[in-house]
PDB file of all heavy atoms in Angstrom:
ATOM      1  N   TYR A   1      44.020  23.728 -10.985  1.00  0.00           N
ATOM      2  CA  TYR A   1      45.000  23.386 -12.021  1.00  0.00           C
ATOM      3  C   TYR A   1      45.121  24.518 -13.038  1.00  0.00           C
ATOM      4  O   TYR A   1      46.135  24.667 -13.740  1.00  0.00           O
ATOM      5  CB  TYR A   1      44.634  22.114 -12.773  1.00  0.00           C
ATOM      6  CG  TYR A   1      45.740  21.547 -13.556  1.00  0.00           C
ATOM      7  CD1 TYR A   1      46.830  20.892 -12.904  1.00  0.00           C
ATOM      8  CD2 TYR A   1      45.819  21.662 -14.923  1.00  0.00           C
ATOM      9  CE1 TYR A   1      47.914  20.441 -13.600  1.00  0.00           C
ATOM     10  CE2 TYR A   1      46.878  21.178 -15.647  1.00  0.00           C
ATOM     11  CZ  TYR A   1      47.893  20.541 -14.996  1.00  0.00           C
ATOM     12  OH  TYR A   1      49.007  20.056 -15.662  1.00  0.00           O
ATOM     13  N   GLU A   2      44.077  25.425 -13.151  1.00  0.00           N
ATOM     14  CA  GLU A   2      44.207  26.530 -14.135  1.00  0.00           C
ATOM     15  C   GLU A   2      45.373  27.473 -13.833  1.00  0.00           C
ATOM     16  O   GLU A   2      45.834  28.201 -14.684  1.00  0.00           O
ATOM     17  CB  GLU A   2      42.869  27.348 -14.180  1.00  0.00           C
ATOM     18  CG  GLU A   2      42.579  28.142 -12.869  1.00  0.00           C
ATOM     19  CD  GLU A   2      41.695  27.376 -11.883  1.00  0.00           C
ATOM     20  OE1 GLU A   2      41.562  26.167 -12.033  1.00  0.00           O
ATOM     21  OE2 GLU A   2      41.262  28.026 -10.938  1.00  0.00           O
ATOM     22  N   HIS A   3      45.945  27.431 -12.640  1.00  0.00           N
ATOM     23  CA  HIS A   3      47.049  28.283 -12.252  1.00  0.00           C
ATOM     24  C   HIS A   3      48.393  27.665 -12.658  1.00  0.00           C
ATOM     25  O   HIS A   3      49.432  28.329 -12.567  1.00  0.00           O
ATOM     26  CB  HIS A   3      47.061  28.533 -10.782  1.00  0.00           C
ATOM     27  CG  HIS A   3      45.820  29.227 -10.270  1.00  0.00           C
ATOM     28  ND1 HIS A   3      45.572  30.565 -10.540  1.00  0.00           N
ATOM     29  CD2 HIS A   3      44.754  28.767  -9.591  1.00  0.00           C
ATOM     30  CE1 HIS A   3      44.398  30.890 -10.023  1.00  0.00           C
ATOM     31  NE2 HIS A   3      43.893  29.808  -9.422  1.00  0.00           N
ATOM     32  N   GLU A   4      48.413  26.402 -13.031  1.00  0.00           N
ATOM     33  CA  GLU A   4      49.660  25.636 -13.319  1.00  0.00           C
ATOM     34  C   GLU A   4      50.415  26.323 -14.463  1.00  0.00           C
ATOM     35  O   GLU A   4      51.641  26.535 -14.339  1.00  0.00           O
ATOM     36  CB  GLU A   4      49.357  24.194 -13.658  1.00  0.00           C
ATOM     37  CG  GLU A   4      50.559  23.359 -13.942  1.00  0.00           C
ATOM     38  CD  GLU A   4      51.261  22.827 -12.668  1.00  0.00           C
ATOM     39  OE1 GLU A   4      50.565  22.788 -11.633  1.00  0.00           O
ATOM     40  OE2 GLU A   4      52.399  22.414 -12.736  1.00  0.00           O
ATOM     41  N   ALA A   5      49.797  26.622 -15.603  1.00  0.00           N
ATOM     42  CA  ALA A   5      50.451  27.185 -16.738  1.00  0.00           C
ATOM     43  C   ALA A   5      51.057  28.536 -16.426  1.00  0.00           C
ATOM     44  O   ALA A   5      52.241  28.847 -16.777  1.00  0.00           O
ATOM     45  CB  ALA A   5      49.497  27.324 -17.928  1.00  0.00           C
ATOM     46  N   GLU A   6      50.343  29.372 -15.689  1.00  0.00           N
ATOM     47  CA  GLU A   6      50.818  30.668 -15.289  1.00  0.00           C
ATOM     48  C   GLU A   6      52.029  30.539 -14.423  1.00  0.00           C
ATOM     49  O   GLU A   6      53.079  31.276 -14.568  1.00  0.00           O
ATOM     50  CB  GLU A   6      49.717  31.444 -14.551  1.00  0.00           C
ATOM     51  CG  GLU A   6      50.152  32.798 -14.140  1.00  0.00           C
ATOM     52  CD  GLU A   6      49.039  33.512 -13.294  1.00  0.00           C
ATOM     53  OE1 GLU A   6      48.000  32.980 -13.190  1.00  0.00           O
ATOM     54  OE2 GLU A   6      49.376  34.625 -12.763  1.00  0.00           O
ATOM     55  N   TYR A   7      51.997  29.632 -13.450  1.00  0.00           N
ATOM     56  CA  TYR A   7      53.124  29.389 -12.489  1.00  0.00           C
ATOM     57  C   TYR A   7      54.399  28.932 -13.302  1.00  0.00           C
ATOM     58  O   TYR A   7      55.488  29.483 -13.087  1.00  0.00           O
ATOM     59  CB  TYR A   7      52.762  28.338 -11.519  1.00  0.00           C
ATOM     60  CG  TYR A   7      53.867  27.920 -10.587  1.00  0.00           C
ATOM     61  CD1 TYR A   7      54.305  28.815  -9.552  1.00  0.00           C
ATOM     62  CD2 TYR A   7      54.521  26.715 -10.731  1.00  0.00           C
ATOM     63  CE1 TYR A   7      55.341  28.467  -8.741  1.00  0.00           C
ATOM     64  CE2 TYR A   7      55.599  26.382  -9.928  1.00  0.00           C
ATOM     65  CZ  TYR A   7      55.988  27.233  -8.910  1.00  0.00           C
ATOM     66  OH  TYR A   7      57.018  26.896  -8.121  1.00  0.00           O
ATOM     67  N   LEU A   8      54.235  28.015 -14.230  1.00  0.00           N
ATOM     68  CA  LEU A   8      55.381  27.518 -15.016  1.00  0.00           C
ATOM     69  C   LEU A   8      55.955  28.591 -15.885  1.00  0.00           C
ATOM     70  O   LEU A   8      57.151  28.724 -16.050  1.00  0.00           O
ATOM     71  CB  LEU A   8      54.963  26.318 -15.834  1.00  0.00           C
ATOM     72  CG  LEU A   8      54.685  25.042 -15.072  1.00  0.00           C
ATOM     73  CD1 LEU A   8      54.131  23.944 -15.971  1.00  0.00           C
ATOM     74  CD2 LEU A   8      55.869  24.559 -14.291  1.00  0.00           C
ATOM     75  N   ALA A   9      55.074  29.439 -16.471  1.00  0.00           N
ATOM     76  CA  ALA A   9      55.521  30.569 -17.289  1.00  0.00           C
ATOM     77  C   ALA A   9      56.327  31.536 -16.460  1.00  0.00           C
ATOM     78  O   ALA A   9      57.364  32.041 -16.900  1.00  0.00           O
ATOM     79  CB  ALA A   9      54.339  31.259 -17.938  1.00  0.00           C
ATOM     80  N   ASN A  10      55.870  31.810 -15.265  1.00  0.00           N
ATOM     81  CA  ASN A  10      56.598  32.743 -14.392  1.00  0.00           C
ATOM     82  C   ASN A  10      57.963  32.163 -13.996  1.00  0.00           C
ATOM     83  O   ASN A  10      58.934  32.926 -13.929  1.00  0.00           O
ATOM     84  CB  ASN A  10      55.816  33.055 -13.108  1.00  0.00           C
ATOM     85  CG  ASN A  10      54.671  33.998 -13.390  1.00  0.00           C
ATOM     86  OD1 ASN A  10      54.672  34.739 -14.346  1.00  0.00           O
ATOM     87  ND2 ASN A  10      53.696  33.967 -12.513  1.00  0.00           N
ATOM     88  N   ARG A  11      58.039  30.884 -13.763  1.00  0.00           N
ATOM     89  CA  ARG A  11      59.320  30.218 -13.435  1.00  0.00           C
ATOM     90  C   ARG A  11      60.287  30.344 -14.602  1.00  0.00           C
ATOM     91  O   ARG A  11      61.497  30.632 -14.400  1.00  0.00           O
ATOM     92  CB  ARG A  11      59.102  28.757 -13.052  1.00  0.00           C
ATOM     93  CG  ARG A  11      58.599  28.594 -11.639  1.00  0.00           C
ATOM     94  CD  ARG A  11      58.477  27.172 -11.247  1.00  0.00           C
ATOM     95  NE  ARG A  11      59.810  26.516 -11.283  1.00  0.00           N
ATOM     96  CZ  ARG A  11      59.999  25.259 -10.950  1.00  0.00           C
ATOM     97  NH1 ARG A  11      59.005  24.551 -10.540  1.00  0.00           N
ATOM     98  NH2 ARG A  11      61.182  24.717 -11.022  1.00  0.00           N
ATOM     99  N   GLN A  12      59.808  30.062 -15.818  1.00  0.00           N
ATOM    100  CA  GLN A  12      60.668  30.137 -17.002  1.00  0.00           C
ATOM    101  C   GLN A  12      61.148  31.566 -17.216  1.00  0.00           C
ATOM    102  O   GLN A  12      62.301  31.790 -17.555  1.00  0.00           O
ATOM    103  CB  GLN A  12      59.918  29.586 -18.233  1.00  0.00           C
ATOM    104  CG  GLN A  12      59.779  28.094 -18.195  1.00  0.00           C
ATOM    105  CD  GLN A  12      58.975  27.549 -19.338  1.00  0.00           C
ATOM    106  OE1 GLN A  12      58.346  28.339 -20.054  1.00  0.00           O
ATOM    107  NE2 GLN A  12      59.020  26.230 -19.524  1.00  0.00           N
ATOM    108  N   ARG A  13      60.211  32.531 -17.046  1.00  0.00           N
ATOM    109  CA  ARG A  13      60.592  33.941 -17.244  1.00  0.00           C
ATOM    110  C   ARG A  13      61.628  34.335 -16.235  1.00  0.00           C
ATOM    111  O   ARG A  13      62.632  35.018 -16.565  1.00  0.00           O
ATOM    112  CB  ARG A  13      59.327  34.812 -17.027  1.00  0.00           C
ATOM    113  CG  ARG A  13      59.501  36.213 -17.531  1.00  0.00           C
ATOM    114  CD  ARG A  13      58.209  37.039 -17.426  1.00  0.00           C
ATOM    115  NE  ARG A  13      57.070  36.406 -17.954  1.00  0.00           N
ATOM    116  CZ  ARG A  13      55.978  36.018 -17.202  1.00  0.00           C
ATOM    117  NH1 ARG A  13      55.899  36.324 -15.906  1.00  0.00           N
ATOM    118  NH2 ARG A  13      54.965  35.410 -17.712  1.00  0.00           N
ATOM    119  N   TRP A  14      61.538  33.902 -15.004  1.00  0.00           N
ATOM    120  CA  TRP A  14      62.528  34.225 -13.956  1.00  0.00           C
ATOM    121  C   TRP A  14      63.906  33.575 -14.337  1.00  0.00           C
ATOM    122  O   TRP A  14      64.949  34.223 -14.272  1.00  0.00           O
ATOM    123  CB  TRP A  14      62.109  33.682 -12.616  1.00  0.00           C
ATOM    124  CG  TRP A  14      63.050  34.059 -11.518  1.00  0.00           C
ATOM    125  CD1 TRP A  14      63.009  35.161 -10.732  1.00  0.00           C
ATOM    126  CD2 TRP A  14      64.193  33.308 -11.062  1.00  0.00           C
ATOM    127  NE1 TRP A  14      64.051  35.177  -9.869  1.00  0.00           N
ATOM    128  CE2 TRP A  14      64.809  34.043 -10.068  1.00  0.00           C
ATOM    129  CE3 TRP A  14      64.728  32.096 -11.462  1.00  0.00           C
ATOM    130  CZ2 TRP A  14      65.960  33.581  -9.418  1.00  0.00           C
ATOM    131  CZ3 TRP A  14      65.889  31.649 -10.831  1.00  0.00           C
ATOM    132  CH2 TRP A  14      66.457  32.421  -9.779  1.00  0.00           C
ATOM    133  N   ALA A  15      63.845  32.318 -14.786  1.00  0.00           N
ATOM    134  CA  ALA A  15      65.088  31.596 -15.115  1.00  0.00           C
ATOM    135  C   ALA A  15      65.799  32.289 -16.292  1.00  0.00           C
ATOM    136  O   ALA A  15      67.021  32.393 -16.303  1.00  0.00           O
ATOM    137  CB  ALA A  15      64.827  30.156 -15.470  1.00  0.00           C
ATOM    138  N   ARG A  16      65.045  32.792 -17.269  1.00  0.00           N
ATOM    139  CA  ARG A  16      65.696  33.475 -18.404  1.00  0.00           C
ATOM    140  C   ARG A  16      66.252  34.798 -17.965  1.00  0.00           C
ATOM    141  O   ARG A  16      67.290  35.257 -18.525  1.00  0.00           O
ATOM    142  CB  ARG A  16      64.665  33.668 -19.541  1.00  0.00           C
ATOM    143  CG  ARG A  16      64.430  32.399 -20.403  1.00  0.00           C
ATOM    144  CD  ARG A  16      63.658  32.752 -21.634  1.00  0.00           C
ATOM    145  NE  ARG A  16      62.319  33.258 -21.362  1.00  0.00           N
ATOM    146  CZ  ARG A  16      61.239  32.483 -21.271  1.00  0.00           C
ATOM    147  NH1 ARG A  16      61.340  31.176 -21.387  1.00  0.00           N
ATOM    148  NH2 ARG A  16      60.080  33.026 -21.003  1.00  0.00           N
ATOM    149  N   SER A  17      65.610  35.514 -17.056  1.00  0.00           N
ATOM    150  CA  SER A  17      66.102  36.824 -16.688  1.00  0.00           C
ATOM    151  C   SER A  17      67.331  36.711 -15.750  1.00  0.00           C
ATOM    152  O   SER A  17      68.068  37.710 -15.643  1.00  0.00           O
ATOM    153  CB  SER A  17      64.980  37.586 -15.939  1.00  0.00           C
ATOM    154  OG  SER A  17      64.701  36.990 -14.690  1.00  0.00           O
ATOM    155  N   HIS A  18      67.558  35.612 -15.124  1.00  0.00           N
ATOM    156  CA  HIS A  18      68.716  35.431 -14.315  1.00  0.00           C
ATOM    157  C   HIS A  18      69.704  34.534 -15.076  1.00  0.00           C
ATOM    158  O   HIS A  18      69.432  33.387 -15.310  1.00  0.00           O
ATOM    159  CB  HIS A  18      68.412  34.763 -12.939  1.00  0.00           C
ATOM    160  CG  HIS A  18      67.597  35.645 -12.071  1.00  0.00           C
ATOM    161  ND1 HIS A  18      66.270  35.901 -12.211  1.00  0.00           N
ATOM    162  CD2 HIS A  18      68.013  36.440 -11.029  1.00  0.00           C
ATOM    163  CE1 HIS A  18      65.839  36.731 -11.322  1.00  0.00           C
ATOM    164  NE2 HIS A  18      66.860  37.062 -10.568  1.00  0.00           N
ATOM    165  N   ASN A  19      70.895  35.083 -15.425  1.00  0.00           N
ATOM    166  CA  ASN A  19      71.803  34.344 -16.243  1.00  0.00           C
ATOM    167  C   ASN A  19      72.433  33.200 -15.404  1.00  0.00           C
ATOM    168  O   ASN A  19      72.200  33.086 -14.225  1.00  0.00           O
ATOM    169  CB  ASN A  19      72.867  35.280 -16.815  1.00  0.00           C
ATOM    170  CG  ASN A  19      73.656  35.991 -15.769  1.00  0.00           C
ATOM    171  OD1 ASN A  19      73.637  35.592 -14.618  1.00  0.00           O
ATOM    172  ND2 ASN A  19      74.337  37.032 -16.172  1.00  0.00           N
ATOM    173  N   LYS A  20      73.254  32.422 -16.067  1.00  0.00           N
ATOM    174  CA  LYS A  20      73.853  31.260 -15.453  1.00  0.00           C
ATOM    175  C   LYS A  20      74.826  31.608 -14.373  1.00  0.00           C
ATOM    176  O   LYS A  20      75.125  30.799 -13.478  1.00  0.00           O
ATOM    177  CB  LYS A  20      74.527  30.385 -16.510  1.00  0.00           C
ATOM    178  CG  LYS A  20      73.529  29.707 -17.399  1.00  0.00           C
ATOM    179  CD  LYS A  20      74.136  28.792 -18.381  1.00  0.00           C
ATOM    180  CE  LYS A  20      73.100  28.117 -19.229  1.00  0.00           C
ATOM    181  NZ  LYS A  20      73.678  27.203 -20.174  1.00  0.00           N
ATOM    182  N   ASN A  21      75.326  32.830 -14.345  1.00  0.00           N
ATOM    183  CA  ASN A  21      76.239  33.253 -13.255  1.00  0.00           C
ATOM    184  C   ASN A  21      75.548  33.219 -11.891  1.00  0.00           C
ATOM    185  O   ASN A  21      76.207  33.008 -10.907  1.00  0.00           O
ATOM    186  CB  ASN A  21      76.808  34.621 -13.553  1.00  0.00           C
ATOM    187  CG  ASN A  21      77.833  34.633 -14.666  1.00  0.00           C
ATOM    188  OD1 ASN A  21      78.448  33.561 -14.911  1.00  0.00           O
ATOM    189  ND2 ASN A  21      78.014  35.738 -15.317  1.00  0.00           N
ATOM    190  N   TYR A  22      74.264  33.416 -11.896  1.00  0.00           N
ATOM    191  CA  TYR A  22      73.491  33.392 -10.680  1.00  0.00           C
ATOM    192  C   TYR A  22      73.611  32.020 -10.013  1.00  0.00           C
ATOM    193  O   TYR A  22      73.854  31.871  -8.865  1.00  0.00           O
ATOM    194  CB  TYR A  22      72.012  33.657 -10.928  1.00  0.00           C
ATOM    195  CG  TYR A  22      71.155  33.530  -9.734  1.00  0.00           C
ATOM    196  CD1 TYR A  22      71.072  34.579  -8.787  1.00  0.00           C
ATOM    197  CD2 TYR A  22      70.463  32.365  -9.459  1.00  0.00           C
ATOM    198  CE1 TYR A  22      70.290  34.429  -7.662  1.00  0.00           C
ATOM    199  CE2 TYR A  22      69.691  32.212  -8.331  1.00  0.00           C
ATOM    200  CZ  TYR A  22      69.622  33.282  -7.441  1.00  0.00           C
ATOM    201  OH  TYR A  22      68.888  33.122  -6.328  1.00  0.00           O
ATOM    202  N   GLN A  23      73.570  30.925 -10.832  1.00  0.00           N
ATOM    203  CA  GLN A  23      73.683  29.607 -10.326  1.00  0.00           C
ATOM    204  C   GLN A  23      75.035  29.334  -9.746  1.00  0.00           C
ATOM    205  O   GLN A  23      75.238  28.613  -8.808  1.00  0.00           O
ATOM    206  CB  GLN A  23      73.364  28.553 -11.435  1.00  0.00           C
ATOM    207  CG  GLN A  23      71.988  28.738 -12.001  1.00  0.00           C
ATOM    208  CD  GLN A  23      70.888  28.440 -11.013  1.00  0.00           C
ATOM    209  OE1 GLN A  23      71.053  27.702 -10.103  1.00  0.00           O
ATOM    210  NE2 GLN A  23      69.725  29.126 -11.149  1.00  0.00           N
ATOM    211  N   ARG A  24      76.088  29.921 -10.425  1.00  0.00           N
ATOM    212  CA  ARG A  24      77.448  29.660  -9.946  1.00  0.00           C
ATOM    213  C   ARG A  24      77.794  30.388  -8.671  1.00  0.00           C
ATOM    214  O   ARG A  24      78.638  29.961  -7.896  1.00  0.00           O
ATOM    215  CB  ARG A  24      78.410  30.092 -11.027  1.00  0.00           C
ATOM    216  CG  ARG A  24      78.385  29.197 -12.244  1.00  0.00           C
ATOM    217  CD  ARG A  24      79.543  29.459 -13.151  1.00  0.00           C
ATOM    218  NE  ARG A  24      79.275  28.751 -14.384  1.00  0.00           N
ATOM    219  CZ  ARG A  24      79.308  29.255 -15.590  1.00  0.00           C
ATOM    220  NH1 ARG A  24      79.656  30.490 -15.728  1.00  0.00           N
ATOM    221  NH2 ARG A  24      79.051  28.539 -16.629  1.00  0.00           N
ATOM    222  N   LYS A  25      77.156  31.512  -8.413  1.00  0.00           N
ATOM    223  CA  LYS A  25      77.402  32.303  -7.214  1.00  0.00           C
ATOM    224  C   LYS A  25      76.928  31.608  -5.989  1.00  0.00           C
ATOM    225  O   LYS A  25      77.442  31.808  -4.876  1.00  0.00           O
ATOM    226  CB  LYS A  25      76.793  33.687  -7.334  1.00  0.00           C
ATOM    227  CG  LYS A  25      77.489  34.615  -8.302  1.00  0.00           C
ATOM    228  CD  LYS A  25      76.739  35.969  -8.341  1.00  0.00           C
ATOM    229  CE  LYS A  25      77.308  36.802  -9.446  1.00  0.00           C
ATOM    230  NZ  LYS A  25      76.541  38.021  -9.583  1.00  0.00           N
ATOM    231  N   TYR A  26      75.891  30.790  -6.094  1.00  0.00           N
ATOM    232  CA  TYR A  26      75.300  30.165  -4.948  1.00  0.00           C
ATOM    233  C   TYR A  26      76.282  29.280  -4.230  1.00  0.00           C
ATOM    234  O   TYR A  26      76.885  28.352  -4.816  1.00  0.00           O
ATOM    235  CB  TYR A  26      74.060  29.340  -5.359  1.00  0.00           C
ATOM    236  CG  TYR A  26      73.366  28.699  -4.229  1.00  0.00           C
ATOM    237  CD1 TYR A  26      72.599  29.463  -3.330  1.00  0.00           C
ATOM    238  CD2 TYR A  26      73.456  27.350  -4.005  1.00  0.00           C
ATOM    239  CE1 TYR A  26      71.972  28.910  -2.253  1.00  0.00           C
ATOM    240  CE2 TYR A  26      72.823  26.734  -2.962  1.00  0.00           C
ATOM    241  CZ  TYR A  26      72.081  27.496  -2.092  1.00  0.00           C
ATOM    242  OH  TYR A  26      71.434  26.941  -1.044  1.00  0.00           O
ATOM    243  N   ASN A  27      76.508  29.463  -2.973  1.00  0.00           N
ATOM    244  CA  ASN A  27      77.365  28.666  -2.100  1.00  0.00           C
ATOM    245  C   ASN A  27      78.836  28.587  -2.565  1.00  0.00           C
ATOM    246  O   ASN A  27      79.516  27.633  -2.287  1.00  0.00           O
ATOM    247  CB  ASN A  27      76.831  27.258  -1.925  1.00  0.00           C
ATOM    248  CG  ASN A  27      77.373  26.630  -0.673  1.00  0.00           C
ATOM    249  OD1 ASN A  27      77.743  27.257   0.274  1.00  0.00           O
ATOM    250  ND2 ASN A  27      77.442  25.285  -0.685  1.00  0.00           N
ATOM    251  N   MET A  28      79.271  29.609  -3.273  1.00  0.00           N
ATOM    252  CA  MET A  28      80.682  29.635  -3.670  1.00  0.00           C
ATOM    253  C   MET A  28      81.398  30.641  -2.800  1.00  0.00           C
ATOM    254  O   MET A  28      81.473  31.838  -3.161  1.00  0.00           O
ATOM    255  CB  MET A  28      80.817  29.997  -5.151  1.00  0.00           C
ATOM    256  CG  MET A  28      80.338  28.909  -6.102  1.00  0.00           C
ATOM    257  SD  MET A  28      81.227  27.410  -5.952  1.00  0.00           S
ATOM    258  CE  MET A  28      82.759  27.799  -6.654  1.00  0.00           C
ATOM    259  N   VAL A  29      81.819  30.217  -1.625  1.00  0.00           N
ATOM    260  CA  VAL A  29      82.488  31.158  -0.759  1.00  0.00           C
ATOM    261  C   VAL A  29      83.967  30.801  -0.706  1.00  0.00           C
ATOM    262  O   VAL A  29      84.406  29.786  -1.198  1.00  0.00           O
ATOM    263  CB  VAL A  29      81.880  31.055   0.689  1.00  0.00           C
ATOM    264  CG1 VAL A  29      80.475  31.629   0.714  1.00  0.00           C
ATOM    265  CG2 VAL A  29      81.885  29.671   1.193  1.00  0.00           C
ATOM    266  N   THR A  30      84.700  31.638  -0.082  1.00  0.00           N
ATOM    267  CA  THR A  30      86.190  31.535  -0.127  1.00  0.00           C
ATOM    268  C   THR A  30      86.729  30.273   0.569  1.00  0.00           C
ATOM    269  O   THR A  30      87.890  29.970   0.394  1.00  0.00           O
ATOM    270  CB  THR A  30      86.813  32.794   0.522  1.00  0.00           C
ATOM    271  OG1 THR A  30      86.306  32.905   1.813  1.00  0.00           O
ATOM    272  CG2 THR A  30      86.515  33.999  -0.316  1.00  0.00           C
ATOM    273  N   ARG A  31      85.921  29.524   1.283  1.00  0.00           N
ATOM    274  CA  ARG A  31      86.449  28.347   1.939  1.00  0.00           C
ATOM    275  C   ARG A  31      86.950  27.311   0.958  1.00  0.00           C
ATOM    276  O   ARG A  31      87.721  26.460   1.319  1.00  0.00           O
ATOM    277  CB  ARG A  31      85.378  27.770   2.882  1.00  0.00           C
ATOM    278  CG  ARG A  31      84.213  27.172   2.138  1.00  0.00           C
ATOM    279  CD  ARG A  31      83.266  26.516   3.102  1.00  0.00           C
ATOM    280  NE  ARG A  31      82.019  26.260   2.410  1.00  0.00           N
ATOM    281  CZ  ARG A  31      80.877  26.651   2.834  1.00  0.00           C
ATOM    282  NH1 ARG A  31      80.750  27.360   3.927  1.00  0.00           N
ATOM    283  NH2 ARG A  31      79.758  26.388   2.111  1.00  0.00           N
ATOM    284  N   ASN A  32      86.537  27.382  -0.274  1.00  0.00           N
ATOM    285  CA  ASN A  32      86.991  26.391  -1.274  1.00  0.00           C
ATOM    286  C   ASN A  32      88.171  26.839  -2.122  1.00  0.00           C
ATOM    287  O   ASN A  32      88.562  26.181  -2.991  1.00  0.00           O
ATOM    288  CB  ASN A  32      85.804  25.989  -2.210  1.00  0.00           C
ATOM    289  CG  ASN A  32      84.732  25.291  -1.503  1.00  0.00           C
ATOM    290  OD1 ASN A  32      84.991  24.465  -0.607  1.00  0.00           O
ATOM    291  ND2 ASN A  32      83.525  25.538  -1.818  1.00  0.00           N
ATOM    292  N   ARG A  33      88.725  28.013  -1.775  1.00  0.00           N
ATOM    293  CA  ARG A  33      89.755  28.573  -2.670  1.00  0.00           C
ATOM    294  C   ARG A  33      91.109  27.899  -2.562  1.00  0.00           C
ATOM    295  O   ARG A  33      91.811  27.751  -3.502  1.00  0.00           O
ATOM    296  CB  ARG A  33      89.914  30.055  -2.385  1.00  0.00           C
ATOM    297  CG  ARG A  33      88.680  30.861  -2.788  1.00  0.00           C
ATOM    298  CD  ARG A  33      88.931  31.724  -3.982  1.00  0.00           C
ATOM    299  NE  ARG A  33      87.666  32.238  -4.455  1.00  0.00           N
ATOM    300  CZ  ARG A  33      87.296  33.499  -4.271  1.00  0.00           C
ATOM    301  NH1 ARG A  33      88.069  34.336  -3.602  1.00  0.00           N
ATOM    302  NH2 ARG A  33      86.159  33.901  -4.764  1.00  0.00           N
ATOM    303  N   ASN A  34      91.500  27.441  -1.335  1.00  0.00           N
ATOM    304  CA  ASN A  34      92.759  26.738  -1.306  1.00  0.00           C
ATOM    305  C   ASN A  34      92.529  25.289  -0.898  1.00  0.00           C
ATOM    306  O   ASN A  34      91.466  24.942  -0.357  1.00  0.00           O
ATOM    307  CB  ASN A  34      93.758  27.395  -0.331  1.00  0.00           C
ATOM    308  CG  ASN A  34      93.416  27.339   1.113  1.00  0.00           C
ATOM    309  OD1 ASN A  34      92.770  26.362   1.543  1.00  0.00           O
ATOM    310  ND2 ASN A  34      93.767  28.335   1.893  1.00  0.00           N
ATOM    311  N   THR A  35      93.477  24.440  -1.210  1.00  0.00           N
ATOM    312  CA  THR A  35      93.272  22.980  -1.056  1.00  0.00           C
ATOM    313  C   THR A  35      93.059  22.588   0.368  1.00  0.00           C
ATOM    314  O   THR A  35      92.289  21.661   0.700  1.00  0.00           O
ATOM    315  CB  THR A  35      94.419  22.204  -1.635  1.00  0.00           C
ATOM    316  OG1 THR A  35      95.645  22.598  -1.052  1.00  0.00           O
ATOM    317  CG2 THR A  35      94.472  22.368  -3.153  1.00  0.00           C
TER     318      THR A  35
END
């Protein structure tokens, strides 16, 4: 369990370093562009 805090801190650090555009890019391919 002593590794839990370090793991959570690394996850938060990663999330802060990747802006929200990263989340939007995931699975947004051209197949959804026209109706």
